[in-house]
Amino acid sequence: MPQWLVPTSHDTASGPARKRRTLAMAATLVAFLAYLDYAYFNVSLGLMYILPVVIAATVCDRLEVMGVAVLCAALRHLFLPPLSLHEGALRFLLAFAAYLGGGLMVVEIARNRRLAEAHADELETATKLRNEAQEHLRQLAESSPAAIFTTDERGALLSYNRAAIDMFGVEEGMKRGEVPNAGDFLPVLRDALKLETRASGFRTAAQCTGRRENGEPFIAQVWFSIYESAAGQRLAAIAVDSSEDVREREERNLRHILDNNRIIAGAVSHEIRNVCGAISMVYSNLQRDRARYGGLEGAEDFRALGSLVEGLSKIASSDLQARVKRTITPVPLREVLDDIRVVVEPPWIEADGEVHWSVPLEVPPVFVDPFGLTQAILNLAQNSLRAVQNTPQKELRIEVTAQGRQVAIAVSDSGPGIKNPTHLFEPFQQASEQTGLGLYVSRALLRSFGGDLKYEPQDGRCRFVAYLLTTNEMSAGQNSAVVEGVRRTASTALPLGESN
């Protein structure tokens, strides 16, 4: 069958009911013309037969139009005066060609019309979807707490959301019709626009200091990209005011530095106290036997030595305990462990080691300061990494188990173990590779919020276990009592010199 006779999907797009009505109309018209041709035999109505063909062509495909054209040409030939065979055949073919040509022209017109309607529907649908998408993006940008804006090659704002106006503090200037320049508030963007970018564009992130319209400084985290458009170079950026986060982080770091300093100062005071005790004993012996040495009591140097011993004793016994009033509340342990994992794993991966985690799906909340727990676990992981440097297998295991009112975090490694753990938690150990304060400070931090750190070797492996208090399986009264106890514990440091 020739390709031009094959109906397309658009040719049969009309509904069946409409097609039946149209064909019925064409058939009625054919019958009416045939009746007139029969009744008035001497009057030719051949030209009128093209009407039913045209009507049928509006709902039929090419093959069906050919059938209608054959029918109309045959009826026209039937009711005309008889001619010779050759003349009759030629007349039939000419009529058929005329009817078929008219019908096919209408078929194409109808097909093109349906295509145009379908295309118009697609354009309408696409326009509606695009408008909806633009509205969603506008609402998303407008309701975002982050500043979202675009600029031209000079840095002048082209589009922006409400957060950008609030971040830059330019609402009054905008009301006066002034166009703000993003580079005046975020200098990093002004410098970036001066760079020569490739055709593929440039994108990066930066943390920088910005200034509002009134001169107030702020810390901003900025993600931006530079691209080429038909109108020239453009910059698109998302900026977040992180001043509060930076301030809280720095205050938290300062607080923990002060806590660690107090713990270290307590360890130093403990060592000074031991030395001072020995000096005091020698001074007492000299006082008791002053007659033997003759005239020591009246000597200026001897009295000065007594004053120094007394002053050193006061320094050694001074209260260096960290009386910091802070509220310790239960926190989700899994979230803290996820943050710890981000810090602990990279050094082990770089050293071709393996870190295995065993954390239950359900872990009860624990009383802990997340930063202090992170520091303690990180110290244990770093000690383990140093211990396995010369071993064929570098492995660290961190296992979490719930034990009644406690949660235990066991940290073990595949190293050779500790030969003499007797003085493990004492400060300033001479055998330590570092300062000898890591384990002392780690345990002090855990004890500061009601926990503890113990050395519990297992199967020849070096294994430390951090115990944390939890509210699991407690009544409301017990829970309140534990909270109050932890708060009292957190308000004071360990007694100076405690090592076991």
Protein backbone atom coordinates (compact mmCIF):
# COMPACT_ATOMS: atom_id res chain seq x y z
CA MET A 1 0.00 0.00 0.00
CA PRO A 2 1.43 3.43 -0.88
CA GLN A 3 2.61 5.51 2.06
CA TRP A 4 0.18 8.34 1.25
CA LEU A 5 -2.76 5.98 1.79
CA VAL A 6 -1.72 5.04 5.34
CA PRO A 7 -3.82 6.97 7.89
CA THR A 8 -1.97 8.91 10.55
CA SER A 9 -2.88 9.10 14.22
CA HIS A 10 -4.34 12.56 13.66
CA ASP A 11 -6.60 11.31 10.84
CA THR A 12 -8.68 9.28 13.25
CA ALA A 13 -8.59 11.74 16.08
CA SER A 14 -12.33 12.60 15.79
CA GLY A 15 -14.79 10.96 18.06
CA PRO A 16 -16.74 7.90 16.79
CA ALA A 17 -20.10 9.61 17.31
CA ARG A 18 -19.10 12.66 15.30
CA LYS A 19 -17.76 10.42 12.52
CA ARG A 20 -20.99 8.45 12.35
CA ARG A 21 -23.06 11.65 12.12
CA THR A 22 -20.85 13.08 9.37
CA LEU A 23 -20.89 9.84 7.33
CA ALA A 24 -24.64 9.65 7.70
CA MET A 25 -24.91 13.22 6.38
CA ALA A 26 -22.64 12.37 3.42
CA ALA A 27 -24.61 9.19 2.65
CA THR A 28 -27.89 11.12 2.74
CA LEU A 29 -26.47 13.71 0.36
CA VAL A 30 -25.20 10.97 -1.98
CA ALA A 31 -28.63 9.33 -2.00
CA PHE A 32 -30.34 12.67 -2.65
CA LEU A 33 -28.02 13.46 -5.58
CA ALA A 34 -28.49 9.98 -6.98
CA TYR A 35 -32.27 10.42 -6.80
CA LEU A 36 -32.08 13.77 -8.60
CA ASP A 37 -29.78 12.27 -11.20
CA TYR A 38 -32.21 9.43 -11.72
CA ALA A 39 -35.28 11.70 -11.85
CA TYR A 40 -33.74 14.25 -14.15
CA PHE A 41 -31.68 12.03 -16.37
CA ASN A 42 -30.98 14.73 -18.91
CA VAL A 43 -29.45 17.14 -16.30
CA SER A 44 -25.89 16.30 -15.13
CA LEU A 45 -25.25 16.76 -11.41
CA GLY A 46 -21.68 15.43 -11.58
CA LEU A 47 -20.11 18.51 -10.00
CA MET A 48 -22.42 18.19 -6.98
CA TYR A 49 -21.01 14.74 -6.10
CA ILE A 50 -17.89 16.40 -4.76
CA LEU A 51 -19.92 17.71 -1.79
CA PRO A 52 -20.41 14.34 -0.04
CA VAL A 53 -16.76 13.51 -0.72
CA VAL A 54 -15.68 16.76 0.94
CA ILE A 55 -18.04 16.17 3.88
CA ALA A 56 -16.79 12.62 4.40
CA ALA A 57 -13.17 13.77 4.08
CA THR A 58 -13.49 15.85 7.25
CA VAL A 59 -13.70 12.66 9.37
CA CYS A 60 -12.25 9.92 7.13
CA ASP A 61 -8.72 8.86 6.34
CA ARG A 62 -7.26 8.72 2.84
CA LEU A 63 -8.35 5.15 2.09
CA GLU A 64 -11.94 5.82 3.16
CA VAL A 65 -12.01 9.00 1.06
CA MET A 66 -10.88 6.94 -1.92
CA GLY A 67 -13.83 4.59 -1.39
CA VAL A 68 -16.32 7.49 -1.23
CA ALA A 69 -14.75 8.99 -4.39
CA VAL A 70 -15.14 5.65 -6.23
CA LEU A 71 -18.81 5.47 -5.16
CA CYS A 72 -19.59 9.02 -6.29
CA ALA A 73 -17.74 8.58 -9.61
CA ALA A 74 -19.62 5.33 -10.27
CA LEU A 75 -23.03 6.96 -9.56
CA ARG A 76 -22.18 9.87 -11.81
CA HIS A 77 -21.17 7.45 -14.60
CA LEU A 78 -24.29 5.38 -14.06
CA PHE A 79 -26.76 8.22 -14.63
CA LEU A 80 -25.01 9.86 -17.59
CA PRO A 81 -25.87 9.03 -21.24
CA PRO A 82 -24.04 5.87 -22.39
CA LEU A 83 -20.78 6.34 -24.27
CA SER A 84 -18.21 4.08 -25.79
CA LEU A 85 -16.11 1.94 -23.50
CA HIS A 86 -13.01 4.11 -23.79
CA GLU A 87 -14.91 7.36 -23.34
CA GLY A 88 -16.85 5.97 -20.37
CA ALA A 89 -13.64 4.75 -18.68
CA LEU A 90 -11.95 8.09 -19.27
CA ARG A 91 -14.95 9.96 -17.88
CA PHE A 92 -15.01 7.72 -14.81
CA LEU A 93 -11.31 8.20 -14.16
CA LEU A 94 -11.52 11.96 -14.55
CA ALA A 95 -14.46 12.16 -12.16
CA PHE A 96 -12.71 9.84 -9.71
CA ALA A 97 -9.54 11.93 -9.86
CA ALA A 98 -11.49 15.16 -9.29
CA TYR A 99 -13.45 13.75 -6.37
CA LEU A 100 -10.38 12.12 -4.85
CA GLY A 101 -8.27 15.27 -5.25
CA GLY A 102 -10.90 17.39 -3.56
CA GLY A 103 -11.34 14.87 -0.80
CA LEU A 104 -7.61 14.49 -0.15
CA MET A 105 -7.22 18.26 -0.05
CA VAL A 106 -9.92 18.42 2.62
CA VAL A 107 -8.27 15.52 4.48
CA GLU A 108 -5.00 17.46 4.65
CA ILE A 109 -6.80 20.65 5.64
CA ALA A 110 -8.62 18.81 8.42
CA ARG A 111 -5.41 17.08 9.48
CA ASN A 112 -3.49 20.35 9.59
CA ARG A 113 -6.30 21.93 11.54
CA ARG A 114 -6.21 19.12 14.11
CA LEU A 115 -2.42 19.43 14.30
CA ALA A 116 -2.73 23.17 14.84
CA GLU A 117 -5.33 22.61 17.55
CA ALA A 118 -3.14 19.99 19.23
CA HIS A 119 -0.14 22.30 19.02
CA ALA A 120 -2.19 25.14 20.46
CA ASP A 121 -3.30 22.86 23.30
CA GLU A 122 0.31 21.87 23.93
CA LEU A 123 1.38 25.49 23.97
CA GLU A 124 -1.42 26.35 26.35
CA THR A 125 -0.51 23.44 28.63
CA ALA A 126 3.20 24.31 28.47
CA THR A 127 2.44 27.95 29.22
CA LYS A 128 0.28 26.97 32.16
CA LEU A 129 2.95 24.62 33.53
CA ARG A 130 5.65 27.25 33.01
CA ASN A 131 3.57 29.85 34.82
CA GLU A 132 2.97 27.40 37.67
CA ALA A 133 6.69 26.57 37.85
CA GLN A 134 7.58 30.26 37.84
CA GLU A 135 5.06 30.89 40.59
CA HIS A 136 6.44 27.99 42.64
CA LEU A 137 9.99 29.24 42.18
CA ARG A 138 8.92 32.76 43.07
CA GLN A 139 7.19 31.54 46.22
CA LEU A 140 10.19 29.35 47.07
CA ALA A 141 12.63 32.22 46.66
CA GLU A 142 10.40 34.71 48.44
CA SER A 143 9.78 32.43 51.43
CA SER A 144 13.41 31.29 51.70
CA PRO A 145 15.34 32.52 54.75
CA ALA A 146 18.45 32.64 52.54
CA ALA A 147 19.13 35.69 50.40
CA ILE A 148 18.71 34.79 46.70
CA PHE A 149 19.62 37.34 44.05
CA THR A 150 21.17 37.91 40.62
CA THR A 151 23.33 40.79 39.44
CA ASP A 152 24.69 42.18 36.20
CA GLU A 153 28.39 42.46 35.32
CA ARG A 154 28.71 45.57 37.52
CA GLY A 155 27.11 43.93 40.55
CA ALA A 156 23.78 45.81 40.39
CA LEU A 157 20.86 43.73 41.64
CA LEU A 158 18.56 42.47 38.90
CA SER A 159 16.31 40.17 40.91
CA TYR A 160 16.18 39.44 44.63
CA ASN A 161 13.95 38.10 47.39
CA ARG A 162 12.86 39.60 50.67
CA ALA A 163 15.70 37.97 52.61
CA ALA A 164 18.27 39.75 50.42
CA ILE A 165 16.71 43.14 51.21
CA ASP A 166 16.74 42.32 54.94
CA MET A 167 20.34 41.05 54.84
CA PHE A 168 21.65 44.15 53.08
CA GLY A 169 19.31 46.53 54.93
CA VAL A 170 18.43 48.46 51.76
CA GLU A 171 14.65 48.66 52.08
CA GLU A 172 14.58 52.45 52.44
CA GLY A 173 16.87 52.90 49.45
CA MET A 174 14.72 50.56 47.36
CA LYS A 175 11.67 52.68 48.17
CA ARG A 176 13.53 55.71 46.82
CA GLY A 177 14.20 53.86 43.58
CA GLU A 178 17.89 53.21 44.23
CA VAL A 179 19.38 50.01 42.74
CA PRO A 180 21.74 48.42 45.31
CA ASN A 181 25.09 46.97 44.28
CA ALA A 182 25.76 43.56 45.86
CA GLY A 183 29.52 44.21 45.77
CA ASP A 184 29.09 47.06 48.27
CA PHE A 185 27.73 44.61 50.85
CA LEU A 186 29.65 41.45 49.90
CA PRO A 187 33.08 42.48 48.56
CA VAL A 188 33.88 38.91 47.52
CA LEU A 189 31.25 39.21 44.78
CA ARG A 190 32.78 42.42 43.44
CA ASP A 191 36.16 40.71 43.24
CA ALA A 192 34.63 37.63 41.60
CA LEU A 193 33.04 39.69 38.84
CA LYS A 194 36.50 40.93 37.88
CA LEU A 195 37.70 37.40 37.12
CA GLU A 196 37.95 36.16 33.57
CA THR A 197 35.56 33.21 33.41
CA ARG A 198 35.42 30.45 30.85
CA ALA A 199 32.48 29.86 28.55
CA SER A 200 31.27 27.11 30.89
CA GLY A 201 31.02 29.64 33.74
CA PHE A 202 32.43 29.77 37.25
CA ARG A 203 30.90 28.58 40.51
CA THR A 204 32.21 28.33 44.06
CA ALA A 205 31.37 28.92 47.72
CA ALA A 206 32.96 31.28 50.21
CA GLN A 207 32.65 32.50 53.78
CA CYS A 208 33.27 36.21 54.03
CA THR A 209 32.57 39.32 56.04
CA GLY A 210 29.90 41.66 54.73
CA ARG A 211 28.46 44.99 55.76
CA ARG A 212 24.88 46.20 55.79
CA GLU A 213 23.73 49.58 54.55
CA ASN A 214 24.13 51.03 58.07
CA GLY A 215 27.72 49.73 58.35
CA GLU A 216 26.93 46.80 60.64
CA PRO A 217 29.27 43.85 59.85
CA PHE A 218 28.05 40.27 59.51
CA ILE A 219 29.47 36.88 58.56
CA ALA A 220 27.99 35.42 55.36
CA GLN A 221 28.20 32.01 53.74
CA VAL A 222 27.83 32.60 50.00
CA TRP A 223 27.29 30.18 47.11
CA PHE A 224 27.50 31.89 43.74
CA SER A 225 28.06 31.25 40.04
CA ILE A 226 29.01 33.49 37.12
CA TYR A 227 27.64 32.75 33.67
CA GLU A 228 27.23 34.37 30.27
CA SER A 229 23.80 35.37 28.96
CA ALA A 230 22.55 37.12 25.85
CA ALA A 231 22.56 40.39 27.80
CA GLY A 232 26.10 39.92 29.14
CA GLN A 233 27.75 38.48 32.23
CA ARG A 234 25.47 37.56 35.13
CA LEU A 235 26.02 36.45 38.73
CA ALA A 236 23.56 34.29 40.68
CA ALA A 237 24.09 33.90 44.42
CA ILE A 238 22.59 32.42 47.57
CA ALA A 239 23.81 33.98 50.81
CA VAL A 240 23.11 33.09 54.44
CA ASP A 241 23.84 35.29 57.44
CA SER A 242 25.81 32.90 59.67
CA SER A 243 26.86 35.48 62.27
CA GLU A 244 24.79 33.84 65.00
CA ASP A 245 26.17 30.37 64.20
CA VAL A 246 29.75 31.64 64.19
CA ARG A 247 29.19 33.48 67.46
CA GLU A 248 27.66 30.42 69.14
CA ARG A 249 30.45 28.17 67.82
CA GLU A 250 33.19 30.49 69.04
CA GLU A 251 31.52 30.91 72.43
CA ARG A 252 31.16 27.13 72.72
CA ASN A 253 34.80 26.60 71.76
CA LEU A 254 35.92 29.24 74.27
CA ARG A 255 33.85 27.61 77.00
CA HIS A 256 35.40 24.22 76.33
CA ILE A 257 38.89 25.69 76.16
CA LEU A 258 38.31 27.27 79.57
CA ASP A 259 36.99 23.96 80.94
CA ASN A 260 40.02 22.11 79.61
CA ASN A 261 42.33 24.75 81.02
CA ARG A 262 40.73 24.34 84.43
CA ILE A 263 41.19 20.59 84.23
CA ILE A 264 44.82 20.95 83.16
CA ALA A 265 45.39 23.59 85.84
CA GLY A 266 44.00 21.14 88.37
CA ALA A 267 46.44 18.49 87.19
CA VAL A 268 49.33 20.96 87.44
CA SER A 269 48.16 22.01 90.90
CA HIS A 270 48.09 18.35 91.92
CA GLU A 271 51.70 17.87 90.85
CA ILE A 272 52.76 21.11 92.56
CA ARG A 273 51.02 19.95 95.72
CA ASN A 274 53.09 16.76 95.78
CA VAL A 275 56.34 18.72 95.36
CA CYS A 276 55.19 21.27 97.92
CA GLY A 277 54.48 18.49 100.39
CA ALA A 278 58.02 17.22 100.07
CA ILE A 279 59.47 20.75 100.50
CA SER A 280 57.27 21.36 103.56
CA MET A 281 58.52 18.15 105.12
CA VAL A 282 62.15 19.23 104.61
CA TYR A 283 61.41 22.68 106.07
CA SER A 284 59.70 21.09 109.11
CA ASN A 285 62.70 18.87 109.65
CA LEU A 286 65.00 21.88 109.49
CA GLN A 287 62.85 23.73 112.04
CA ARG A 288 62.85 20.74 114.38
CA ASP A 289 66.62 20.35 114.18
CA ARG A 290 67.49 24.06 114.06
CA ALA A 291 69.62 23.74 117.19
CA ARG A 292 71.83 21.22 115.42
CA TYR A 293 72.46 23.62 112.53
CA GLY A 294 72.87 26.61 114.85
CA GLY A 295 71.15 29.93 114.22
CA LEU A 296 68.93 28.91 111.28
CA GLU A 297 65.83 30.37 112.89
CA GLY A 298 67.21 33.88 112.83
CA ALA A 299 68.62 33.69 109.31
CA GLU A 300 66.82 35.82 106.71
CA ASP A 301 67.11 33.15 104.01
CA PHE A 302 65.55 30.56 106.30
CA ARG A 303 62.58 32.83 107.05
CA ALA A 304 62.26 33.60 103.31
CA LEU A 305 62.23 29.87 102.59
CA GLY A 306 59.38 29.47 105.07
CA SER A 307 57.40 32.23 103.37
CA LEU A 308 57.94 30.65 99.96
CA VAL A 309 56.79 27.25 101.22
CA GLU A 310 53.68 28.82 102.77
CA GLY A 311 52.85 30.72 99.56
CA LEU A 312 53.42 27.68 97.39
CA SER A 313 51.13 25.64 99.64
CA LYS A 314 48.38 28.22 99.24
CA ILE A 315 48.74 28.14 95.45
CA ALA A 316 48.68 24.35 95.37
CA SER A 317 45.58 24.15 97.59
CA SER A 318 43.68 26.98 95.88
CA ASP A 319 40.28 26.08 94.48
CA LEU A 320 40.77 25.71 90.75
CA GLN A 321 37.54 23.83 90.34
CA ALA A 322 35.39 24.88 87.41
CA ARG A 323 32.27 26.24 89.00
CA VAL A 324 30.38 26.75 85.79
CA LYS A 325 26.62 26.73 86.03
CA ARG A 326 25.34 25.06 82.89
CA THR A 327 22.29 23.02 82.13
CA ILE A 328 22.87 19.49 80.85
CA THR A 329 19.82 18.07 79.10
CA PRO A 330 19.35 14.69 77.37
CA VAL A 331 20.40 14.71 73.72
CA PRO A 332 19.86 12.12 70.93
CA LEU A 333 23.03 10.01 70.95
CA ARG A 334 22.72 8.86 67.33
CA GLU A 335 22.94 12.43 66.07
CA VAL A 336 26.06 13.07 68.15
CA LEU A 337 27.61 9.81 66.90
CA ASP A 338 26.91 10.81 63.28
CA ASP A 339 28.86 14.03 63.85
CA ILE A 340 31.66 12.09 65.57
CA ARG A 341 31.82 9.69 62.64
CA VAL A 342 32.47 12.56 60.22
CA VAL A 343 35.45 13.62 62.36
CA VAL A 344 36.90 10.21 63.27
CA GLU A 345 36.82 8.24 60.00
CA PRO A 346 38.89 10.39 57.53
CA PRO A 347 42.29 9.95 59.30
CA TRP A 348 41.75 6.18 59.44
CA ILE A 349 40.80 6.02 55.77
CA GLU A 350 43.92 8.00 54.85
CA ALA A 351 46.02 5.51 56.85
CA ASP A 352 44.38 2.54 55.01
CA GLY A 353 42.56 1.55 58.18
CA GLU A 354 39.00 0.42 58.83
CA VAL A 355 36.44 1.79 61.26
CA HIS A 356 33.56 -0.48 62.24
CA TRP A 357 30.48 0.96 63.92
CA SER A 358 27.90 -1.01 65.86
CA VAL A 359 25.05 1.28 66.89
CA PRO A 360 21.52 0.02 67.67
CA LEU A 361 18.63 1.53 65.75
CA GLU A 362 17.06 2.72 69.00
CA VAL A 363 19.41 4.48 71.42
CA PRO A 364 17.92 6.30 74.42
CA PRO A 365 18.80 9.98 74.97
CA VAL A 366 21.82 10.56 77.20
CA PHE A 367 23.07 13.34 79.46
CA VAL A 368 26.07 14.62 77.56
CA ASP A 369 27.71 17.72 76.19
CA PRO A 370 28.10 16.86 72.47
CA PHE A 371 31.37 18.80 72.11
CA GLY A 372 32.89 17.14 75.20
CA LEU A 373 31.90 13.64 74.05
CA THR A 374 33.30 14.36 70.58
CA GLN A 375 36.59 15.48 72.11
CA ALA A 376 36.82 12.37 74.29
CA ILE A 377 36.03 9.88 71.49
CA LEU A 378 38.33 11.72 69.07
CA ASN A 379 41.18 11.53 71.59
CA LEU A 380 40.65 7.76 71.96
CA ALA A 381 40.52 7.31 68.17
CA GLN A 382 43.74 9.28 67.68
CA ASN A 383 45.50 7.27 70.39
CA SER A 384 44.36 4.07 68.67
CA LEU A 385 45.56 5.33 65.27
CA ARG A 386 49.04 5.96 66.69
CA ALA A 387 49.00 2.51 68.31
CA VAL A 388 48.26 0.63 65.04
CA GLN A 389 50.73 2.49 62.80
CA ASN A 390 53.18 -0.45 62.72
CA THR A 391 50.63 -3.28 62.73
CA PRO A 392 49.54 -5.19 59.60
CA GLN A 393 45.88 -4.75 60.47
CA LYS A 394 44.60 -1.24 61.25
CA GLU A 395 41.14 -1.56 62.73
CA LEU A 396 39.00 0.53 65.07
CA ARG A 397 35.72 -0.70 66.54
CA ILE A 398 33.14 1.56 68.16
CA GLU A 399 30.24 -0.31 69.76
CA VAL A 400 27.25 1.20 71.54
CA THR A 401 25.15 -0.80 74.00
CA ALA A 402 22.38 0.20 76.37
CA GLN A 403 22.86 -1.12 79.91
CA GLY A 404 19.87 -0.20 82.03
CA ARG A 405 20.32 3.41 83.08
CA GLN A 406 23.60 3.74 81.21
CA VAL A 407 24.78 3.70 77.62
CA ALA A 408 28.25 2.28 77.04
CA ILE A 409 30.41 3.38 74.08
CA ALA A 410 33.29 0.92 73.68
CA VAL A 411 36.30 2.03 71.61
CA SER A 412 38.80 -0.75 70.80
CA ASP A 413 41.61 -1.17 68.28
CA SER A 414 43.80 -3.90 66.81
CA GLY A 415 46.99 -2.49 68.34
CA PRO A 416 49.42 -4.26 70.70
CA GLY A 417 47.58 -3.07 73.80
CA ILE A 418 48.82 -1.25 76.91
CA LYS A 419 51.55 -2.95 78.92
CA ASN A 420 51.13 -1.05 82.20
CA PRO A 421 47.66 0.48 82.65
CA THR A 422 48.18 1.21 86.36
CA HIS A 423 48.81 4.94 85.92
CA LEU A 424 46.84 5.25 82.68
CA PHE A 425 44.64 8.18 83.72
CA GLU A 426 47.29 10.12 85.63
CA PRO A 427 48.44 13.44 84.10
CA PHE A 428 51.95 14.19 82.81
CA GLN A 429 53.03 10.61 82.30
CA GLN A 430 56.63 10.41 81.22
CA ALA A 431 55.98 7.46 78.89
CA SER A 432 53.34 9.36 76.94
CA GLU A 433 54.10 10.36 73.34
CA GLN A 434 52.20 13.62 73.78
CA THR A 435 51.55 15.80 76.84
CA GLY A 436 50.17 12.91 78.90
CA LEU A 437 46.91 14.79 79.51
CA GLY A 438 44.61 13.29 76.84
CA LEU A 439 43.04 10.49 78.87
CA TYR A 440 43.01 12.58 82.04
CA VAL A 441 41.11 15.40 80.31
CA SER A 442 38.81 12.98 78.45
CA ARG A 443 37.72 11.26 81.64
CA ALA A 444 37.32 14.58 83.43
CA LEU A 445 35.07 15.81 80.61
CA LEU A 446 32.89 12.70 80.77
CA ARG A 447 32.67 12.90 84.56
CA SER A 448 31.72 16.57 84.34
CA PHE A 449 28.28 15.54 83.02
CA GLY A 450 27.81 12.39 85.10
CA GLY A 451 29.60 9.85 82.90
CA ASP A 452 32.89 8.01 83.21
CA LEU A 453 35.73 6.55 81.15
CA LYS A 454 37.31 3.20 82.00
CA TYR A 455 39.96 0.91 80.56
CA GLU A 456 38.49 -2.58 80.07
CA PRO A 457 40.75 -4.77 77.87
CA GLN A 458 39.03 -7.65 76.07
CA ASP A 459 40.57 -10.54 74.11
CA GLY A 460 43.95 -8.84 74.17
CA ARG A 461 42.61 -5.69 72.52
CA CYS A 462 43.04 -2.19 73.90
CA ARG A 463 39.52 -1.22 74.88
CA PHE A 464 38.15 1.93 76.54
CA VAL A 465 34.50 2.26 77.53
CA ALA A 466 32.71 5.58 77.99
CA TYR A 467 29.66 5.33 80.24
CA LEU A 468 26.88 7.90 79.88
CA LEU A 469 23.76 8.40 81.98
CA THR A 470 20.40 7.99 80.28
CA THR A 471 16.76 8.49 81.21
CA ASN A 472 15.78 5.07 79.89
CA GLU A 473 13.54 2.95 82.13
CA MET A 474 13.14 5.70 84.75
CA SER A 475 10.06 7.05 86.39
CA ALA A 476 9.34 10.77 86.29
CA GLY A 477 10.62 11.24 89.85
CA GLN A 478 13.83 9.29 89.21
CA ASN A 479 14.35 11.19 85.98
CA SER A 480 14.08 14.55 87.76
CA ALA A 481 16.49 13.37 90.46
CA VAL A 482 19.05 12.26 87.88
CA VAL A 483 18.73 15.54 85.99
CA GLU A 484 19.33 17.51 89.18
CA GLY A 485 22.30 15.29 90.09
CA VAL A 486 23.88 15.76 86.68
CA ARG A 487 23.39 19.50 86.89
CA ARG A 488 25.11 19.57 90.30
CA THR A 489 27.94 17.46 88.91
CA ALA A 490 28.28 19.76 85.90
CA SER A 491 28.46 22.84 88.10
CA THR A 492 31.71 21.71 89.72
CA ALA A 493 34.82 20.05 88.35
CA LEU A 494 36.55 16.94 89.64
CA PRO A 495 38.49 17.24 92.91
CA LEU A 496 42.00 18.31 92.05
CA GLY A 497 44.40 15.49 91.56
CA GLU A 498 41.79 12.73 91.25
CA SER A 499 43.26 10.07 89.03
CA ASN A 500 41.32 6.89 89.67
